[in-house]
Protein backbone atom coordinates (compact mmCIF):
# COMPACT_ATOMS: atom_id res chain seq x y z
CA MET A 1 -0.02 -0.28 0.27
CA LYS A 2 1.46 3.36 -0.66
CA TYR A 3 0.68 6.41 1.90
CA GLU A 4 0.65 9.96 1.41
CA ALA A 5 1.95 12.36 4.21
CA VAL A 6 -0.41 14.66 5.90
CA ILE A 7 1.60 17.68 7.96
CA GLY A 8 0.32 20.66 9.52
CA LEU A 9 2.92 22.97 11.86
CA GLU A 10 2.56 25.11 14.82
CA ILE A 11 4.86 28.25 14.02
CA HIS A 12 5.61 30.04 17.54
CA SER A 13 7.18 33.58 17.11
CA GLU A 14 8.63 35.43 19.72
CA LEU A 15 7.51 39.12 18.94
CA LYS A 16 10.03 41.75 19.53
CA THR A 17 8.68 44.00 22.32
CA THR A 18 11.01 45.08 25.02
CA THR A 19 8.99 43.86 27.57
CA LYS A 20 6.87 41.16 28.44
CA ILE A 21 3.12 40.21 27.20
CA PHE A 22 1.87 40.47 31.16
CA CYS A 23 4.90 42.90 32.99
CA GLY A 24 7.09 44.69 32.48
CA CYS A 25 9.92 42.20 32.77
CA LYS A 26 12.61 42.93 29.84
CA THR A 27 12.75 40.44 27.09
CA ALA A 28 16.33 40.69 25.64
CA PHE A 29 17.85 37.21 24.74
CA GLY A 30 21.28 36.49 26.46
CA ALA A 31 20.63 37.95 29.92
CA GLU A 32 21.88 35.99 33.04
CA GLN A 33 19.49 33.27 34.56
CA ASN A 34 16.46 34.34 36.43
CA THR A 35 17.46 38.20 36.24
CA GLN A 36 14.33 39.27 33.83
CA VAL A 37 11.90 37.60 36.17
CA CYS A 38 9.07 39.58 38.28
CA PRO A 39 6.11 38.17 40.85
CA VAL A 40 3.73 38.36 38.14
CA CYS A 41 5.99 36.45 35.15
CA LEU A 42 7.05 33.90 38.46
CA GLY A 43 3.29 33.58 38.86
CA LEU A 44 3.66 34.20 42.64
CA PRO A 45 0.28 34.46 44.67
CA GLY A 46 -1.58 37.44 44.55
CA VAL A 47 0.00 39.29 41.35
CA LEU A 48 -2.36 40.57 38.33
CA PRO A 49 -1.43 40.34 34.97
CA THR A 50 -1.74 43.40 32.47
CA ILE A 51 -1.85 42.81 28.66
CA ASN A 52 1.10 44.67 26.49
CA LYS A 53 -0.96 46.85 23.72
CA LYS A 54 2.15 46.20 21.46
CA VAL A 55 1.65 42.05 21.39
CA VAL A 56 -1.91 42.58 20.67
CA GLU A 57 -1.06 45.14 17.89
CA PHE A 58 1.55 42.94 16.05
CA ALA A 59 -0.58 39.80 16.09
CA VAL A 60 -3.38 41.64 14.35
CA LYS A 61 -0.45 42.94 11.73
CA ALA A 62 0.29 39.43 11.72
CA GLY A 63 -3.27 38.42 11.09
CA LEU A 64 -3.41 40.83 8.42
CA ALA A 65 0.03 39.96 6.50
CA THR A 66 -1.62 36.28 6.41
CA ASN A 67 -4.81 37.02 5.06
CA CYS A 68 -6.88 36.43 8.25
CA THR A 69 -9.97 37.75 9.78
CA ILE A 70 -9.25 39.50 12.71
CA ASN A 71 -11.82 39.02 15.28
CA LYS A 72 -13.38 42.35 16.59
CA TYR A 73 -13.79 40.79 19.93
CA SER A 74 -11.43 37.81 21.91
CA LYS A 75 -10.42 36.88 24.77
CA PHE A 76 -7.29 35.13 27.04
CA ASP A 77 -7.70 31.58 28.44
CA ARG A 78 -6.20 29.55 31.25
CA LYS A 79 -4.24 26.18 29.61
CA ASN A 80 -3.72 24.10 32.43
CA TYR A 81 -0.66 21.57 32.71
CA TYR A 82 1.90 20.94 34.85
CA TYR A 83 5.53 21.40 33.82
CA PRO A 84 8.80 22.47 36.08
CA ASP A 85 9.33 25.54 33.42
CA LEU A 86 5.56 26.78 33.63
CA PRO A 87 5.52 28.49 37.24
CA LYS A 88 2.27 28.95 37.00
CA ASN A 89 0.51 25.62 36.69
CA TRP A 90 -1.31 27.15 33.55
CA GLN A 91 -0.20 28.99 30.31
CA THR A 92 -1.99 32.13 29.88
CA SER A 93 -3.25 31.72 25.95
CA GLN A 94 -6.37 31.88 23.60
CA TYR A 95 -8.56 29.13 23.05
CA ASP A 96 -11.90 29.38 21.34
CA LEU A 97 -11.68 32.92 20.71
CA PRO A 98 -8.06 33.66 18.50
CA ILE A 99 -7.10 37.19 17.81
CA ALA A 100 -7.13 35.86 14.05
CA GLU A 101 -8.30 32.82 12.13
CA HIS A 102 -9.04 31.52 8.22
CA GLY A 103 -5.89 33.01 6.87
CA HIS A 104 -3.98 31.46 4.00
CA VAL A 105 -0.36 31.93 2.48
CA ASP A 106 1.21 30.96 -0.71
CA ILE A 107 4.24 29.17 -1.39
CA GLU A 108 6.05 27.04 -4.43
CA VAL A 109 7.68 24.53 -4.37
CA ASN A 110 9.42 22.63 -7.70
CA GLY A 111 7.64 24.87 -9.96
CA GLU A 112 4.40 23.84 -8.56
CA LYS A 113 2.23 26.98 -6.48
CA LYS A 114 0.33 26.07 -3.48
CA THR A 115 -1.88 27.77 -0.87
CA VAL A 116 -1.72 26.65 2.60
CA ARG A 117 -4.80 27.47 5.09
CA LEU A 118 -4.38 28.95 8.44
CA THR A 119 -6.73 27.93 11.52
CA ARG A 120 -5.71 30.92 13.53
CA ILE A 121 -3.18 32.65 15.43
CA HIS A 122 -3.46 33.46 18.83
CA MET A 123 -1.20 35.36 21.54
CA GLU A 124 -0.02 33.38 24.27
CA GLU A 125 3.05 33.61 27.04
CA ASP A 126 6.41 32.08 26.45
CA ALA A 127 7.28 29.63 29.27
CA GLY A 128 10.62 29.20 30.68
CA LYS A 129 13.53 27.17 29.46
CA LEU A 130 14.51 23.80 30.45
CA VAL A 131 18.94 22.99 29.95
CA HIS A 132 19.58 19.44 30.44
CA SER A 133 22.62 18.26 31.57
CA GLY A 134 22.96 15.54 28.95
CA ASN A 135 22.90 15.29 24.79
CA THR A 136 18.98 14.55 25.13
CA ILE A 137 16.02 14.36 27.42
CA LYS A 138 15.14 10.69 26.35
CA ASP A 139 17.73 9.27 27.57
CA SER A 140 21.14 11.17 28.79
CA ALA A 141 20.36 14.05 31.03
CA ALA A 142 21.36 13.60 34.58
CA GLY A 143 19.70 17.07 35.51
CA SER A 144 17.54 19.75 34.12
CA PHE A 145 17.69 23.56 35.27
CA VAL A 146 14.89 26.23 34.78
CA ASP A 147 15.59 29.30 33.35
CA TYR A 148 12.80 31.69 33.61
CA ASN A 149 13.45 34.73 31.79
CA ARG A 150 11.45 33.35 29.25
CA THR A 151 8.83 33.11 31.09
CA GLY A 152 6.17 35.94 29.84
CA VAL A 153 7.87 36.67 26.61
CA PRO A 154 5.22 37.28 24.22
CA LEU A 155 4.67 34.70 21.58
CA ILE A 156 2.04 34.37 18.28
CA GLU A 157 1.02 31.00 17.24
CA ILE A 158 0.30 30.45 13.57
CA VAL A 159 -1.36 27.06 13.27
CA SER A 160 -2.03 25.86 9.75
CA GLU A 161 -4.64 23.04 8.11
CA PRO A 162 -2.98 19.58 7.34
CA ASP A 163 -2.19 20.90 3.88
CA MET A 164 1.31 19.61 3.21
CA HIS A 165 2.40 16.59 1.93
CA SER A 166 6.22 16.69 1.69
CA ALA A 167 9.33 18.17 4.33
CA ALA A 168 9.92 20.68 1.10
CA GLU A 169 6.43 22.13 1.10
CA ALA A 170 7.07 22.29 5.35
CA ARG A 171 9.84 24.04 4.67
CA ALA A 172 9.04 26.50 2.06
CA TYR A 173 5.63 26.91 4.46
CA MET A 174 7.88 28.38 7.59
CA GLU A 175 10.17 30.02 5.29
CA LYS A 176 7.04 31.98 4.09
CA ILE A 177 5.74 33.00 7.55
CA LYS A 178 8.96 33.91 8.47
CA ALA A 179 9.60 35.99 5.65
CA ILE A 180 6.38 37.73 6.41
CA LEU A 181 6.87 38.46 9.82
CA GLU A 182 10.63 39.66 9.16
CA TYR A 183 8.61 42.19 6.60
CA ILE A 184 6.02 43.61 9.02
CA ASP A 185 9.12 43.94 11.76
CA VAL A 186 7.41 42.14 14.56
CA SER A 187 9.57 39.57 15.39
CA ASN A 188 13.53 38.62 15.02
CA CYS A 189 12.56 35.51 13.76
CA ARG A 190 16.48 34.44 14.94
CA MET A 191 15.89 30.95 14.55
CA GLU A 192 19.40 30.08 17.17
CA GLU A 193 17.80 32.10 19.61
CA GLY A 194 14.59 30.23 19.56
CA ASN A 195 12.66 33.13 18.52
CA LEU A 196 10.83 31.08 15.85
CA ARG A 197 10.17 27.22 16.03
CA ALA A 198 7.27 25.13 14.85
CA ASP A 199 5.53 21.79 16.30
CA ILE A 200 5.42 19.30 13.22
CA ASN A 201 2.46 17.26 13.07
CA VAL A 202 2.72 14.54 10.96
CA SER A 203 0.14 11.46 9.92
CA LEU A 204 0.12 9.29 7.05
CA ARG A 205 -3.01 7.61 4.58
CA PRO A 206 -3.38 5.64 2.15
CA VAL A 207 -3.40 7.38 -1.29
CA GLY A 208 -6.62 8.58 -2.46
CA SER A 209 -7.95 8.41 1.08
CA ASP A 210 -9.30 11.96 2.71
CA LYS A 211 -9.58 10.40 6.28
CA LEU A 212 -6.94 11.52 8.43
CA GLY A 213 -4.39 9.03 10.08
CA THR A 214 -3.07 9.00 13.74
CA ARG A 215 -0.47 11.88 13.92
CA THR A 216 2.41 12.63 16.12
CA GLU A 217 3.75 15.75 17.17
CA MET A 218 7.42 16.59 17.23
CA LYS A 219 8.32 19.83 19.67
CA ASN A 220 10.48 22.91 19.38
CA ILE A 221 12.05 22.15 15.95
CA ASN A 222 14.39 25.72 15.57
CA SER A 223 16.34 25.20 12.42
CA PHE A 224 15.14 24.79 8.38
CA LYS A 225 17.07 21.41 8.30
CA ALA A 226 16.05 19.92 11.44
CA LEU A 227 12.38 20.87 10.26
CA GLU A 228 13.30 18.55 6.73
CA ASP A 229 15.14 15.78 8.36
CA ALA A 230 12.31 14.92 11.46
CA ILE A 231 9.41 14.87 8.93
CA ASN A 232 10.94 13.22 6.75
CA TYR A 233 12.45 10.59 9.45
CA GLU A 234 8.97 10.13 10.63
CA ILE A 235 7.89 9.84 7.27
CA GLU A 236 9.96 6.51 7.30
CA ARG A 237 9.15 5.47 10.72
CA GLN A 238 5.39 5.44 10.66
CA GLN A 239 5.65 3.96 7.02
CA GLU A 240 7.66 1.28 8.32
CA VAL A 241 5.06 0.68 11.11
CA LEU A 242 1.94 0.67 9.38
CA GLU A 243 3.75 -1.80 6.34
CA ASP A 244 4.58 -4.14 9.50
CA GLY A 245 1.04 -4.19 10.46
CA GLY A 246 1.86 -2.01 13.32
CA LYS A 247 -0.73 0.97 14.57
CA ILE A 248 0.71 4.60 15.06
CA ILE A 249 0.37 5.77 18.28
CA GLN A 250 -0.55 9.35 19.10
CA GLU A 251 2.38 10.84 21.07
CA THR A 252 4.75 13.45 21.36
CA ARG A 253 8.18 12.77 20.59
CA THR A 254 11.20 14.62 20.24
CA PHE A 255 13.80 15.09 17.31
CA ASP A 256 17.65 13.93 17.85
CA PRO A 257 19.78 16.11 14.89
CA GLU A 258 22.55 14.41 15.52
CA ARG A 259 21.15 10.58 14.90
CA GLY A 260 18.59 11.76 12.62
CA VAL A 261 15.46 10.14 14.24
CA THR A 262 12.55 11.23 16.66
CA LEU A 263 12.26 9.34 19.94
CA SER A 264 8.99 8.68 22.08
CA MET A 265 8.69 11.48 24.63
CA ARG A 266 4.88 11.12 26.21
CA SER A 267 1.44 10.23 25.29
CA LYS A 268 -0.06 12.93 23.14
CA GLU A 269 -2.96 15.29 24.92
CA ASN A 270 -5.92 16.60 23.60
CA ALA A 271 -7.66 19.66 24.62
CA ASP A 272 -9.96 18.53 27.64
CA ASP A 273 -6.76 17.31 29.02
CA TYR A 274 -5.67 20.89 29.43
CA ARG A 275 -9.17 22.09 31.18
CA TYR A 276 -9.39 25.09 28.99
CA MET A 277 -10.95 28.17 31.36
CA PRO A 278 -11.44 31.63 30.95
CA GLU A 279 -8.86 33.80 32.00
CA PRO A 280 -10.44 35.94 35.22
CA ASP A 281 -7.75 38.52 35.47
CA LEU A 282 -7.51 39.68 32.37
CA PRO A 283 -10.29 42.21 30.41
CA PRO A 284 -11.20 40.68 26.73
CA ILE A 285 -9.82 42.67 23.48
CA VAL A 286 -11.91 44.79 21.56
CA MET A 287 -11.17 46.35 18.36
CA THR A 288 -12.86 48.37 15.76
CA ASP A 289 -12.81 48.30 12.21
CA GLU A 290 -11.29 51.70 12.39
CA GLU A 291 -8.29 50.37 14.82
CA ILE A 292 -8.23 46.89 12.19
CA GLU A 293 -7.95 49.28 9.49
CA SER A 294 -5.24 51.49 10.82
CA TYR A 295 -2.86 48.80 11.27
CA ARG A 296 -3.80 47.21 7.67
CA ARG A 297 -2.66 50.35 6.42
CA GLU A 298 0.96 50.28 8.64
CA LEU A 299 1.53 47.29 7.15
CA PRO A 300 4.84 47.64 4.54
CA GLU A 301 5.43 45.78 0.88
CA LEU A 302 5.05 42.22 1.70
CA PRO A 303 7.27 39.26 0.01
CA ASP A 304 4.91 38.08 -2.56
CA ALA A 305 4.15 42.09 -3.70
CA ALA A 306 7.72 42.67 -3.69
CA CYS A 307 8.47 39.83 -5.85
CA LEU A 308 6.26 40.82 -8.16
CA ARG A 309 7.71 44.31 -8.05
CA LEU A 310 11.11 43.19 -9.06
CA GLN A 311 9.61 41.11 -12.12
CA ASN A 312 7.09 43.62 -13.09
CA GLU A 313 9.40 47.08 -12.82
CA LEU A 314 12.44 45.87 -13.35
CA GLY A 315 12.25 42.92 -15.57
CA LEU A 316 14.30 40.25 -13.27
CA SER A 317 13.26 36.65 -13.73
CA ALA A 318 11.01 34.91 -10.95
CA TYR A 319 13.72 33.23 -9.40
CA ASP A 320 15.89 36.11 -9.27
CA ALA A 321 13.17 38.23 -7.54
CA GLY A 322 12.39 34.93 -5.21
CA VAL A 323 15.91 35.19 -3.90
CA LEU A 324 16.47 38.57 -3.40
CA THR A 325 12.91 38.90 -1.84
CA ALA A 326 12.61 35.87 0.39
CA SER A 327 14.24 37.85 3.38
CA ARG A 328 13.50 41.56 4.30
CA GLN A 329 17.03 42.42 4.80
CA THR A 330 18.35 41.12 1.68
CA ALA A 331 15.43 43.06 -0.17
CA GLN A 332 16.50 46.08 1.48
CA TYR A 333 19.82 45.78 0.21
CA PHE A 334 19.05 44.63 -2.89
CA ASP A 335 16.98 47.99 -2.94
CA ALA A 336 19.29 50.41 -1.51
CA VAL A 337 21.79 49.63 -4.03
CA LEU A 338 19.46 50.14 -7.12
CA LYS A 339 19.63 53.68 -5.16
CA THR A 340 22.99 54.47 -6.14
CA GLY A 341 22.21 53.97 -9.90
CA ALA A 342 23.12 50.34 -10.37
CA ASP A 343 22.15 48.31 -12.78
CA ALA A 344 19.04 46.15 -11.54
CA LYS A 345 20.23 42.62 -13.29
CA LEU A 346 24.20 43.52 -12.32
CA ALA A 347 23.29 43.93 -8.82
CA ALA A 348 21.10 41.02 -8.67
CA ASN A 349 24.04 38.66 -9.58
CA TRP A 350 26.61 40.08 -7.36
CA ILE A 351 24.18 39.80 -4.68
CA MET A 352 23.21 36.27 -5.41
CA SER A 353 26.66 35.01 -6.20
CA ASP A 354 29.65 37.05 -5.14
CA LEU A 355 28.39 38.39 -1.58
CA ALA A 356 25.88 35.51 -1.04
CA LYS A 357 28.93 33.19 -1.25
CA ASN A 358 31.03 35.35 0.96
CA LEU A 359 28.51 35.60 3.73
CA ASN A 360 27.78 32.12 3.57
CA ALA A 361 31.50 31.35 4.03
CA ALA A 362 31.62 33.75 7.23
CA GLU A 363 28.48 32.39 8.47
CA ILE A 364 27.09 36.08 8.58
CA THR A 365 23.67 37.66 7.31
CA ILE A 366 23.42 40.51 4.97
CA ASP A 367 22.61 43.16 7.56
CA GLN A 368 26.57 42.13 9.55
CA SER A 369 27.97 42.53 5.26
CA PRO A 370 31.37 44.48 5.74
CA VAL A 371 30.82 45.50 1.99
CA ASP A 372 27.76 47.70 2.39
CA ALA A 373 25.14 48.75 -0.27
CA LYS A 374 25.93 51.89 -1.38
CA ARG A 375 29.84 50.69 -1.93
CA LEU A 376 28.30 47.65 -3.52
CA GLY A 377 26.39 49.94 -5.96
CA GLU A 378 29.12 52.26 -6.48
CA MET A 379 31.80 49.24 -7.44
CA ILE A 380 28.82 47.73 -10.31
CA LEU A 381 28.24 51.77 -11.66
CA LEU A 382 32.19 51.56 -12.26
CA ILE A 383 31.64 48.22 -14.06
CA SER A 384 28.69 49.39 -16.30
CA LYS A 385 30.97 52.80 -17.14
CA GLY A 386 33.51 50.80 -18.77
CA THR A 387 35.99 51.89 -15.78
CA ILE A 388 36.91 48.82 -14.16
CA SER A 389 35.92 45.21 -15.65
CA SER A 390 33.90 42.60 -14.00
CA LYS A 391 37.49 40.50 -13.42
CA ILE A 392 38.52 43.87 -11.50
CA GLY A 393 35.37 44.46 -10.21
CA LYS A 394 36.16 40.88 -8.24
CA LYS A 395 39.34 42.17 -6.68
CA VAL A 396 37.30 45.46 -5.82
CA PHE A 397 34.84 43.49 -3.85
CA ALA A 398 37.73 41.31 -2.27
CA GLU A 399 39.46 44.48 -1.03
CA MET A 400 36.26 46.07 0.24
CA TRP A 401 35.37 42.17 2.16
CA ASP A 402 38.50 42.37 3.79
CA GLY A 403 37.98 45.39 5.56
CA ASN A 404 39.47 48.33 3.42
CA THR A 405 36.86 50.74 3.77
CA ASP A 406 37.25 53.35 1.05
CA SER A 407 34.64 53.80 -1.94
CA ALA A 408 35.28 51.94 -4.85
CA GLU A 409 35.97 54.83 -7.37
CA LYS A 410 39.67 55.30 -4.62
CA ILE A 411 40.01 51.93 -3.96
CA VAL A 412 40.37 51.54 -8.52
CA ALA A 413 42.44 54.20 -8.37
CA ASP A 414 44.56 53.47 -5.37
CA LYS A 415 45.71 50.23 -6.78
CA GLY A 416 45.90 51.35 -10.42
CA TRP A 417 43.07 49.40 -11.32
CA VAL A 418 41.47 51.37 -14.00
CA GLN A 419 40.82 49.76 -17.32
CA ILE A 420 42.85 50.13 -20.25
CA THR A 421 40.24 51.32 -23.11
CA ASP A 422 43.03 52.67 -25.67
CA THR A 423 42.46 50.58 -28.98
CA GLY A 424 46.25 51.11 -29.83
CA ALA A 425 47.19 50.00 -26.43
CA ILE A 426 45.54 46.93 -26.16
CA GLU A 427 46.32 46.28 -30.21
CA GLN A 428 49.59 46.04 -29.05
CA ILE A 429 48.96 43.09 -25.97
CA VAL A 430 46.75 41.43 -28.37
CA LYS A 431 50.07 41.26 -30.88
CA GLU A 432 52.30 40.14 -28.71
CA VAL A 433 50.06 37.14 -27.71
CA ILE A 434 48.99 36.10 -31.22
CA ALA A 435 53.25 35.67 -31.69
CA LYS A 436 53.54 33.92 -28.66
CA ASN A 437 50.36 31.16 -28.74
CA GLU A 438 51.29 30.09 -32.61
CA LYS A 439 49.28 26.75 -31.61
CA ALA A 440 46.00 29.01 -30.62
CA VAL A 441 45.93 30.62 -33.47
CA ALA A 442 46.44 27.59 -35.94
CA ASP A 443 43.82 25.88 -34.10
CA TYR A 444 41.54 29.41 -34.61
CA LYS A 445 42.57 29.31 -37.95
CA ASN A 446 41.59 25.76 -38.94
CA GLY A 447 38.26 26.49 -37.56
CA ASN A 448 38.07 26.21 -33.84
CA LYS A 449 36.30 28.91 -33.06
CA LYS A 450 36.68 28.03 -29.40
CA ALA A 451 40.67 28.48 -29.20
CA ILE A 452 40.16 32.31 -29.02
CA GLY A 453 38.76 32.35 -25.76
CA ALA A 454 42.54 31.09 -24.72
CA LEU A 455 43.95 34.06 -26.41
CA VAL A 456 41.61 36.38 -24.34
CA GLY A 457 42.75 35.17 -21.28
CA GLN A 458 46.29 35.40 -22.44
CA VAL A 459 45.37 38.97 -23.18
CA MET A 460 43.83 39.91 -19.91
CA LYS A 461 46.37 37.86 -18.06
CA ALA A 462 49.04 40.50 -19.75
CA SER A 463 47.15 43.53 -19.11
CA GLN A 464 46.32 42.34 -15.04
CA GLY A 465 42.76 42.24 -16.22
CA LYS A 466 42.46 45.87 -17.02
CA ALA A 467 41.89 45.58 -20.75
CA ASN A 468 38.84 45.98 -22.33
CA PRO A 469 36.96 42.35 -23.04
CA GLN A 470 34.80 43.29 -25.42
CA THR A 471 37.94 45.80 -27.40
CA VAL A 472 39.89 42.33 -26.74
CA ASN A 473 37.46 40.01 -28.28
CA GLU A 474 37.21 42.85 -31.72
CA LEU A 475 40.85 42.84 -32.29
CA LEU A 476 41.45 39.37 -31.83
CA THR A 477 38.95 38.61 -34.43
CA LYS A 478 39.91 41.40 -36.69
CA LEU A 479 43.93 40.34 -36.39
CA LEU A 480 43.08 36.76 -36.92
């Protein structure tokens, strides 16, 4: 029997407020353990929470940006469960009346477009962070410690419908959600810091069936690679169980990225197990149409719109536009390069090739690049004007990347890298190269037109990369 995977994601995103959701404690990442806490977020007796208005604004904007309906009446609820990182023994969340619901986002995988529906977006507080002494929770942790700094940090939970059927689709969906949250500037989305993480629900059903199978859930996946690896492993594991005549158990599992396997943690809870009840200490959130529309007007250009703009206005391919708008930082960098007057296609090529290669090697993001957008744009302009060749451009870029803070124009002048455009000077070099490369010349004259490439390379080498390549080609063709 062939099976189809059915996948849904619950994405948790910490919001970039300066204070927590129900108290005035700071939310800064990396502070000393248990120093950003107070009686409210520690759940001490007698305290009362107060809603952070910025959290509501960010949640509404996230809902609008993902095509959700914003509920004008929503409320908080207590989700009751006991765990060491939850000092109150309940999490203040939203249950039956969330802030937003019934949205959708569009993704593309292998050239095929698809719409993933959103069930809901709701606000809640984050729990503390358990730090385990061993490698995994399952089998080698001798003890656990709790840091309550994260307790009360505001979250939105974005719940999808089970519309995805492969790890690639799930990754594309989470990447799109990350891009949207970055564009509207409500979350830092630093996955390595836990700003963005996902719970993954996976089940299998026979191909052609519309009945959902028993699902398992994998908690707190905080990288795109781990997301794909965990889903692929779980699909294989469930398929083996079913093919051997076994049954899938509804449970929560953890993913071990080092071994690439999922491990059972506990049986999966249902909503009834949490004994949801309305939060008596917080009033409901009531919004007007005017307030919702005011937030809508504040939304910036979103990734899909930016992608279309680059194609329609600048003539970039769908692929190039997609890469350049996949993150807010890259899109802003590209727009800043264009403000210098640089050609759009050349700018796209430089950002997607040389800049991307160096960023990946250095393991830094584009906003940390030592080559800022203005200087890259100015260097591209020098290429367009014929002041330098693309080959010299790579040398200029390397200079800037390695710490030279001068403008591209000054670097070129100081290094003597201005392109030779004088036809007479280039012709003299071409004649010398022809005289020294009898075999390549003979190959060319015998019909091997590709042999001219070797001669062009020799001319560029002799001119230290400063000869105009077009002029070199024209002169070689003429003299040969």
